[in-house]
Amino acid sequence: MNRNFVAINYIHCEPDYKQRFEELFQTRARAIDTMPGFIDMYVLKPASAEEPYLVISYWESEEAFKAWTHSSAFQEGHKRGFEDLAKAKAAGQKPPMRSVFKTYEVIAR
């Protein structure tokens, strides 16, 4: 299977949110699974508490990945996490998690 494009989401969770974060992925909506151009995804738990979780998704192309991020399926797939962030903000609390997306083109395997 061709893996031409990789998106990695580096997610830093507050200590008291880590269990909830893992639960969200273990019971995920699987909305990404049916997106055109999606190949596979891994969610990696760090060995060190200071390091971020990694969500690594493989795509046929950058265009397929961008279509996912702009889709209603993306909103549905992230709904519970977005609700957690909104709840913390409304309560004047620090966000329970923060993320940074980085994307990569595969040049060798």
N, C-alpha and C. Protein backbone atom coordinates (compact mmCIF):
# COMPACT_ATOMS: atom_id res chain seq x y z
N MET A 1 0.84 -1.19 0.00
CA MET A 1 0.00 0.00 0.00
C MET A 1 0.88 1.24 0.00
N ASN A 2 0.56 2.20 -0.81
CA ASN A 2 1.35 3.40 -0.93
C ASN A 2 1.08 4.34 0.24
N ARG A 3 2.12 4.79 0.91
CA ARG A 3 1.99 5.75 2.02
C ARG A 3 2.77 6.99 1.63
N ASN A 4 2.13 7.89 0.92
CA ASN A 4 2.81 9.05 0.36
C ASN A 4 2.85 10.25 1.28
N PHE A 5 1.92 10.34 2.21
CA PHE A 5 1.78 11.53 3.04
C PHE A 5 1.44 11.10 4.47
N VAL A 6 2.10 11.73 5.42
CA VAL A 6 1.89 11.39 6.83
C VAL A 6 1.59 12.67 7.59
N ALA A 7 0.58 12.62 8.44
CA ALA A 7 0.26 13.71 9.34
C ALA A 7 0.47 13.20 10.77
N ILE A 8 1.19 13.98 11.55
CA ILE A 8 1.43 13.60 12.94
C ILE A 8 0.88 14.71 13.83
N ASN A 9 0.01 14.33 14.72
CA ASN A 9 -0.56 15.26 15.69
C ASN A 9 0.14 14.99 17.02
N TYR A 10 0.87 15.97 17.52
CA TYR A 10 1.56 15.87 18.80
C TYR A 10 0.61 16.44 19.85
N ILE A 11 0.13 15.59 20.75
CA ILE A 11 -0.90 16.01 21.71
C ILE A 11 -0.35 15.95 23.14
N HIS A 12 -0.31 17.12 23.75
CA HIS A 12 0.12 17.23 25.15
C HIS A 12 -1.14 17.29 26.01
N CYS A 13 -1.24 16.38 26.96
CA CYS A 13 -2.41 16.32 27.85
C CYS A 13 -2.00 16.72 29.26
N GLU A 14 -2.90 17.40 29.94
CA GLU A 14 -2.72 17.64 31.36
C GLU A 14 -2.78 16.28 32.06
N PRO A 15 -2.03 16.11 33.15
CA PRO A 15 -1.98 14.79 33.81
C PRO A 15 -3.35 14.20 34.14
N ASP A 16 -4.28 15.03 34.60
CA ASP A 16 -5.60 14.51 34.98
C ASP A 16 -6.51 14.25 33.78
N TYR A 17 -6.04 14.54 32.56
CA TYR A 17 -6.84 14.32 31.36
C TYR A 17 -6.38 13.11 30.55
N LYS A 18 -5.24 12.55 30.89
CA LYS A 18 -4.67 11.47 30.08
C LYS A 18 -5.59 10.26 29.96
N GLN A 19 -6.21 9.87 31.05
CA GLN A 19 -7.11 8.72 31.01
C GLN A 19 -8.29 9.01 30.09
N ARG A 20 -8.85 10.21 30.17
CA ARG A 20 -9.96 10.61 29.30
C ARG A 20 -9.51 10.62 27.84
N PHE A 21 -8.33 11.15 27.56
CA PHE A 21 -7.81 11.19 26.20
C PHE A 21 -7.72 9.78 25.63
N GLU A 22 -7.16 8.87 26.39
CA GLU A 22 -7.03 7.49 25.92
C GLU A 22 -8.40 6.87 25.68
N GLU A 23 -9.34 7.15 26.55
CA GLU A 23 -10.71 6.65 26.40
C GLU A 23 -11.34 7.17 25.11
N LEU A 24 -11.11 8.45 24.81
CA LEU A 24 -11.67 9.02 23.58
C LEU A 24 -11.19 8.27 22.35
N PHE A 25 -9.92 7.91 22.31
CA PHE A 25 -9.41 7.18 21.15
C PHE A 25 -9.82 5.72 21.16
N GLN A 26 -9.93 5.12 22.31
CA GLN A 26 -10.33 3.72 22.37
C GLN A 26 -11.79 3.53 21.99
N THR A 27 -12.57 4.58 22.08
CA THR A 27 -13.99 4.52 21.73
C THR A 27 -14.31 5.51 20.60
N ARG A 28 -13.35 5.74 19.74
CA ARG A 28 -13.48 6.76 18.71
C ARG A 28 -14.60 6.46 17.72
N ALA A 29 -15.05 7.50 17.08
CA ALA A 29 -16.17 7.39 16.13
C ALA A 29 -15.77 6.66 14.85
N ARG A 30 -14.49 6.56 14.57
CA ARG A 30 -13.97 5.91 13.37
C ARG A 30 -14.38 6.66 12.09
N ALA A 31 -14.66 7.94 12.23
CA ALA A 31 -15.09 8.74 11.09
C ALA A 31 -14.00 8.84 10.02
N ILE A 32 -12.76 8.82 10.42
CA ILE A 32 -11.64 8.92 9.49
C ILE A 32 -11.53 7.69 8.59
N ASP A 33 -11.97 6.55 9.10
CA ASP A 33 -11.74 5.27 8.43
C ASP A 33 -12.35 5.19 7.03
N THR A 34 -13.40 5.94 6.78
CA THR A 34 -14.08 5.86 5.49
C THR A 34 -13.72 7.02 4.56
N MET A 35 -12.80 7.88 4.97
CA MET A 35 -12.43 9.03 4.15
C MET A 35 -11.62 8.59 2.93
N PRO A 36 -11.94 9.11 1.75
CA PRO A 36 -11.14 8.80 0.57
C PRO A 36 -9.67 9.19 0.80
N GLY A 37 -8.77 8.29 0.45
CA GLY A 37 -7.35 8.56 0.59
C GLY A 37 -6.75 8.20 1.93
N PHE A 38 -7.59 7.85 2.92
CA PHE A 38 -7.07 7.44 4.22
C PHE A 38 -6.54 6.03 4.12
N ILE A 39 -5.37 5.79 4.72
CA ILE A 39 -4.76 4.47 4.69
C ILE A 39 -4.75 3.81 6.06
N ASP A 40 -4.22 4.51 7.06
CA ASP A 40 -4.07 3.88 8.37
C ASP A 40 -3.80 4.95 9.41
N MET A 41 -3.93 4.58 10.68
CA MET A 41 -3.67 5.50 11.78
C MET A 41 -3.16 4.73 12.98
N TYR A 42 -2.22 5.35 13.70
CA TYR A 42 -1.73 4.81 14.96
C TYR A 42 -1.81 5.90 16.01
N VAL A 43 -2.20 5.53 17.22
CA VAL A 43 -2.17 6.44 18.36
C VAL A 43 -1.14 5.87 19.32
N LEU A 44 -0.10 6.65 19.59
CA LEU A 44 1.01 6.17 20.40
C LEU A 44 1.07 6.88 21.75
N LYS A 45 1.18 6.09 22.79
CA LYS A 45 1.29 6.60 24.16
C LYS A 45 2.79 6.74 24.49
N PRO A 46 3.19 7.89 24.99
CA PRO A 46 4.61 8.08 25.28
C PRO A 46 5.07 7.26 26.48
N ALA A 47 6.33 6.88 26.45
CA ALA A 47 6.92 6.15 27.58
C ALA A 47 7.18 7.10 28.74
N SER A 48 7.40 8.36 28.44
CA SER A 48 7.67 9.38 29.45
C SER A 48 6.45 10.27 29.62
N ALA A 49 6.11 10.59 30.86
CA ALA A 49 4.94 11.42 31.13
C ALA A 49 5.06 12.83 30.55
N GLU A 50 6.27 13.29 30.29
CA GLU A 50 6.47 14.64 29.77
C GLU A 50 6.31 14.73 28.26
N GLU A 51 6.37 13.62 27.59
CA GLU A 51 6.29 13.61 26.14
C GLU A 51 4.84 13.59 25.66
N PRO A 52 4.59 14.06 24.44
CA PRO A 52 3.23 14.06 23.91
C PRO A 52 2.79 12.70 23.38
N TYR A 53 1.49 12.51 23.33
CA TYR A 53 0.93 11.39 22.57
C TYR A 53 1.15 11.74 21.09
N LEU A 54 1.25 10.71 20.26
CA LEU A 54 1.36 10.93 18.83
C LEU A 54 0.19 10.25 18.14
N VAL A 55 -0.47 10.98 17.27
CA VAL A 55 -1.50 10.40 16.42
C VAL A 55 -0.95 10.50 15.00
N ILE A 56 -0.62 9.35 14.43
CA ILE A 56 0.04 9.30 13.13
C ILE A 56 -0.95 8.74 12.12
N SER A 57 -1.25 9.53 11.11
CA SER A 57 -2.16 9.05 10.06
C SER A 57 -1.44 9.04 8.72
N TYR A 58 -1.75 8.01 7.95
CA TYR A 58 -1.15 7.80 6.63
C TYR A 58 -2.20 8.05 5.56
N TRP A 59 -1.80 8.77 4.53
CA TRP A 59 -2.71 9.20 3.49
C TRP A 59 -2.11 8.97 2.12
N GLU A 60 -2.97 8.82 1.12
CA GLU A 60 -2.51 8.69 -0.26
C GLU A 60 -1.92 10.00 -0.76
N SER A 61 -2.43 11.13 -0.23
CA SER A 61 -1.96 12.44 -0.70
C SER A 61 -2.25 13.51 0.35
N GLU A 62 -1.57 14.63 0.19
CA GLU A 62 -1.83 15.77 1.06
C GLU A 62 -3.26 16.28 0.85
N GLU A 63 -3.73 16.22 -0.39
CA GLU A 63 -5.08 16.68 -0.69
C GLU A 63 -6.13 15.85 0.06
N ALA A 64 -5.91 14.54 0.15
CA ALA A 64 -6.85 13.68 0.89
C ALA A 64 -6.85 14.05 2.37
N PHE A 65 -5.68 14.32 2.92
CA PHE A 65 -5.59 14.73 4.32
C PHE A 65 -6.32 16.06 4.54
N LYS A 66 -6.08 17.02 3.67
CA LYS A 66 -6.73 18.33 3.82
C LYS A 66 -8.24 18.21 3.69
N ALA A 67 -8.71 17.34 2.80
CA ALA A 67 -10.15 17.12 2.66
C ALA A 67 -10.73 16.60 3.97
N TRP A 68 -10.00 15.72 4.65
CA TRP A 68 -10.43 15.20 5.95
C TRP A 68 -10.55 16.33 6.96
N THR A 69 -9.53 17.20 7.04
CA THR A 69 -9.55 18.25 8.06
C THR A 69 -10.64 19.28 7.84
N HIS A 70 -11.18 19.35 6.62
CA HIS A 70 -12.25 20.30 6.31
C HIS A 70 -13.62 19.64 6.20
N SER A 71 -13.70 18.39 6.59
CA SER A 71 -14.95 17.64 6.41
C SER A 71 -15.83 17.65 7.66
N SER A 72 -17.11 17.35 7.44
CA SER A 72 -18.02 17.20 8.58
C SER A 72 -17.65 15.95 9.38
N ALA A 73 -17.05 14.96 8.72
CA ALA A 73 -16.59 13.76 9.42
C ALA A 73 -15.49 14.11 10.43
N PHE A 74 -14.63 15.06 10.08
CA PHE A 74 -13.58 15.53 11.00
C PHE A 74 -14.22 16.12 12.25
N GLN A 75 -15.21 16.98 12.05
CA GLN A 75 -15.92 17.59 13.18
C GLN A 75 -16.57 16.52 14.05
N GLU A 76 -17.21 15.55 13.42
CA GLU A 76 -17.86 14.47 14.16
C GLU A 76 -16.83 13.62 14.91
N GLY A 77 -15.73 13.32 14.25
CA GLY A 77 -14.70 12.49 14.87
C GLY A 77 -14.02 13.13 16.06
N HIS A 78 -14.03 14.47 16.11
CA HIS A 78 -13.37 15.20 17.20
C HIS A 78 -14.37 15.84 18.16
N LYS A 79 -15.63 15.56 17.97
CA LYS A 79 -16.70 16.23 18.72
C LYS A 79 -16.50 16.18 20.23
N ARG A 80 -16.22 15.01 20.77
CA ARG A 80 -16.11 14.90 22.24
C ARG A 80 -14.90 15.64 22.77
N GLY A 81 -13.79 15.59 22.06
CA GLY A 81 -12.60 16.33 22.48
C GLY A 81 -12.83 17.83 22.40
N PHE A 82 -13.48 18.29 21.32
CA PHE A 82 -13.79 19.71 21.18
C PHE A 82 -14.73 20.16 22.30
N GLU A 83 -15.69 19.30 22.68
CA GLU A 83 -16.59 19.63 23.78
C GLU A 83 -15.82 19.77 25.09
N ASP A 84 -14.84 18.90 25.33
CA ASP A 84 -14.02 18.99 26.54
C ASP A 84 -13.25 20.31 26.58
N LEU A 85 -12.72 20.72 25.43
CA LEU A 85 -11.99 21.99 25.36
C LEU A 85 -12.91 23.18 25.62
N ALA A 86 -14.10 23.15 25.02
CA ALA A 86 -15.06 24.23 25.20
C ALA A 86 -15.52 24.31 26.66
N LYS A 87 -15.72 23.18 27.28
CA LYS A 87 -16.15 23.14 28.68
C LYS A 87 -15.09 23.76 29.59
N ALA A 88 -13.83 23.44 29.37
CA ALA A 88 -12.74 24.01 30.17
C ALA A 88 -12.67 25.52 29.96
N LYS A 89 -12.80 25.95 28.70
CA LYS A 89 -12.74 27.38 28.40
C LYS A 89 -13.88 28.13 29.08
N ALA A 90 -15.10 27.57 29.01
CA ALA A 90 -16.26 28.20 29.63
C ALA A 90 -16.10 28.32 31.15
N ALA A 91 -15.38 27.37 31.74
CA ALA A 91 -15.15 27.39 33.19
C ALA A 91 -13.93 28.21 33.57
N GLY A 92 -13.27 28.80 32.57
CA GLY A 92 -12.08 29.60 32.84
C GLY A 92 -10.87 28.77 33.23
N GLN A 93 -10.87 27.51 32.81
CA GLN A 93 -9.79 26.59 33.16
C GLN A 93 -8.80 26.46 32.00
N LYS A 94 -7.63 25.97 32.34
CA LYS A 94 -6.60 25.66 31.34
C LYS A 94 -7.13 24.54 30.45
N PRO A 95 -6.86 24.59 29.14
CA PRO A 95 -7.29 23.49 28.27
C PRO A 95 -6.69 22.16 28.74
N PRO A 96 -7.46 21.07 28.72
CA PRO A 96 -6.94 19.78 29.18
C PRO A 96 -5.92 19.16 28.23
N MET A 97 -5.91 19.66 26.99
CA MET A 97 -4.93 19.17 26.01
C MET A 97 -4.66 20.26 25.00
N ARG A 98 -3.53 20.13 24.34
CA ARG A 98 -3.20 21.02 23.22
C ARG A 98 -2.49 20.17 22.18
N SER A 99 -2.65 20.56 20.94
CA SER A 99 -2.05 19.75 19.88
C SER A 99 -1.38 20.61 18.83
N VAL A 100 -0.42 20.00 18.17
CA VAL A 100 0.29 20.61 17.06
C VAL A 100 0.36 19.58 15.94
N PHE A 101 -0.15 19.96 14.76
CA PHE A 101 -0.08 19.09 13.59
C PHE A 101 1.20 19.39 12.83
N LYS A 102 1.87 18.35 12.40
CA LYS A 102 2.98 18.49 11.48
C LYS A 102 2.76 17.47 10.37
N THR A 103 3.09 17.85 9.17
CA THR A 103 2.87 16.95 8.04
C THR A 103 4.19 16.67 7.33
N TYR A 104 4.23 15.51 6.69
CA TYR A 104 5.46 15.04 6.08
C TYR A 104 5.15 14.32 4.77
N GLU A 105 6.03 14.49 3.82
CA GLU A 105 5.98 13.72 2.60
C GLU A 105 6.94 12.55 2.75
N VAL A 106 6.49 11.36 2.41
CA VAL A 106 7.33 10.17 2.51
C VAL A 106 8.31 10.19 1.33
N ILE A 107 9.61 10.10 1.64
CA ILE A 107 10.62 10.07 0.58
C ILE A 107 11.33 8.74 0.47
N ALA A 108 11.21 7.89 1.50
CA ALA A 108 11.84 6.56 1.45
C ALA A 108 11.14 5.65 2.45
N ARG A 109 11.21 4.35 2.15
CA ARG A 109 10.64 3.33 3.05
C ARG A 109 11.62 2.22 3.21
